[in-house]
Every structure is written in structure tokens, then in C-alpha cells.
């Protein structure tokens, strides 16, 4: 298992958009991303702050992608 990189919310959103996710709506700093097949996740976007490893792991689990697949998207 590979180590997760340190990324911001905007970087996560850009990576997920490459595989078909789109921002469905925004509530405050939370961006809700949805995929046409029904998968969805919430990504918090705070200026200059990195997403913690636990939250990033949960986002990847929600999106049903592996760490290695995510690294390739970055």
C-alpha cells in the first residue's frame, strides 16, 4: 500500500473531475461531487490547507478508487 500524498481540496476536485466526477453543489466550503453512476463524496475546500490522510482515505473509499489510481490522476 502506497503512502497518500499531501493535497488540497482543489487538487482533489481536479483529479476527480478527470474520471467523470462533477461538482453538483456547494454549501459553504463543502463541495459535493457526483459521478453519473451514482457515486458521490464531499470535499472541503479551505484556502491553503491540506486534506488530512484520514479524510482523504474516506474520499477515495466513497469514490471507489485506490490510492495508486488517485496518484496517477494527480
Protein backbone atom coordinates (compact mmCIF):
# COMPACT_ATOMS: atom_id res chain seq x y z
CA UNK A 1 0.00 0.00 0.00
CA UNK A 2 1.42 3.33 -1.04
CA UNK A 3 1.53 6.46 1.08
CA UNK A 4 -1.05 9.14 0.36
CA UNK A 5 0.26 12.47 -0.94
CA UNK A 6 -0.45 15.78 0.76
CA UNK A 7 -3.09 17.56 -1.34
CA UNK A 8 -5.55 20.44 -1.07
CA UNK A 9 -9.28 20.25 -1.67
CA UNK A 10 -8.97 21.93 -5.07
CA UNK A 11 -6.35 19.38 -6.18
CA UNK A 12 -8.68 16.54 -5.18
CA UNK A 13 -11.57 18.07 -7.12
CA UNK A 14 -9.44 18.49 -10.26
CA UNK A 15 -8.24 14.89 -10.03
CA UNK A 16 -11.76 13.50 -9.56
CA UNK A 17 -13.09 15.56 -12.47
CA UNK A 18 -10.68 13.66 -14.74
CA UNK A 19 -12.61 10.44 -14.06
CA UNK A 20 -16.09 11.88 -14.51
CA UNK A 21 -16.99 13.47 -11.17
CA UNK A 22 -18.61 16.90 -11.31
CA UNK A 23 -19.38 19.46 -8.63
CA UNK A 24 -23.13 19.09 -8.06
CA UNK A 25 -23.41 21.85 -5.48
CA UNK A 26 -21.52 23.83 -2.89
CA UNK A 27 -22.59 24.51 0.66
CA UNK A 28 -20.20 26.81 2.43
CA UNK A 29 -16.74 25.34 1.94
CA UNK A 30 -18.02 21.84 1.19
CA UNK A 31 -18.14 20.80 -2.47
CA UNK A 32 -20.41 17.84 -3.21
CA UNK A 33 -19.12 15.85 -6.18
CA UNK A 34 -21.26 13.33 -8.04
CA UNK A 35 -20.49 10.76 -10.70
CA UNK A 36 -23.04 9.76 -13.36
CA UNK A 37 -23.13 6.20 -11.96
CA UNK A 38 -24.30 7.44 -8.53
CA UNK A 39 -21.07 7.66 -6.55
CA UNK A 40 -20.69 10.85 -4.52
CA UNK A 41 -18.40 12.43 -1.99
CA UNK A 42 -17.86 15.69 -0.13
CA UNK A 43 -14.59 17.60 -0.40
CA UNK A 44 -13.91 20.54 1.94
CA UNK A 45 -12.04 23.40 0.25
CA UNK A 46 -10.17 25.66 2.67
CA UNK A 47 -7.63 28.09 1.30
CA UNK A 48 -4.07 26.87 1.79
CA UNK A 49 -4.99 23.85 3.94
CA UNK A 50 -4.15 20.26 3.09
CA UNK A 51 -6.69 17.47 3.50
CA UNK A 52 -5.81 15.04 6.29
CA UNK A 53 -4.91 11.46 5.46
CA UNK A 54 -7.99 10.04 7.19
CA UNK A 55 -10.39 12.29 5.28
CA UNK A 56 -8.55 11.64 2.01
CA UNK A 57 -8.86 7.89 2.60
CA UNK A 58 -12.61 8.28 3.16
CA UNK A 59 -12.99 10.35 -0.02
CA UNK A 60 -11.19 7.64 -2.02
CA UNK A 61 -13.38 4.98 -0.42
CA UNK A 62 -16.52 6.96 -1.33
CA UNK A 63 -15.26 7.27 -4.92
CA UNK A 64 -14.27 3.59 -5.04
CA UNK A 65 -10.76 4.27 -6.33
CA UNK A 66 -7.44 3.04 -5.00
CA UNK A 67 -4.55 5.12 -3.72
CA UNK A 68 -2.47 4.24 -6.76
CA UNK A 69 -5.26 5.24 -9.15
CA UNK A 70 -5.58 8.54 -7.32
CA UNK A 71 -1.83 9.21 -7.53
CA UNK A 72 -1.98 8.71 -11.33
CA UNK A 73 -4.76 11.32 -11.55
CA UNK A 74 -2.61 13.93 -9.84
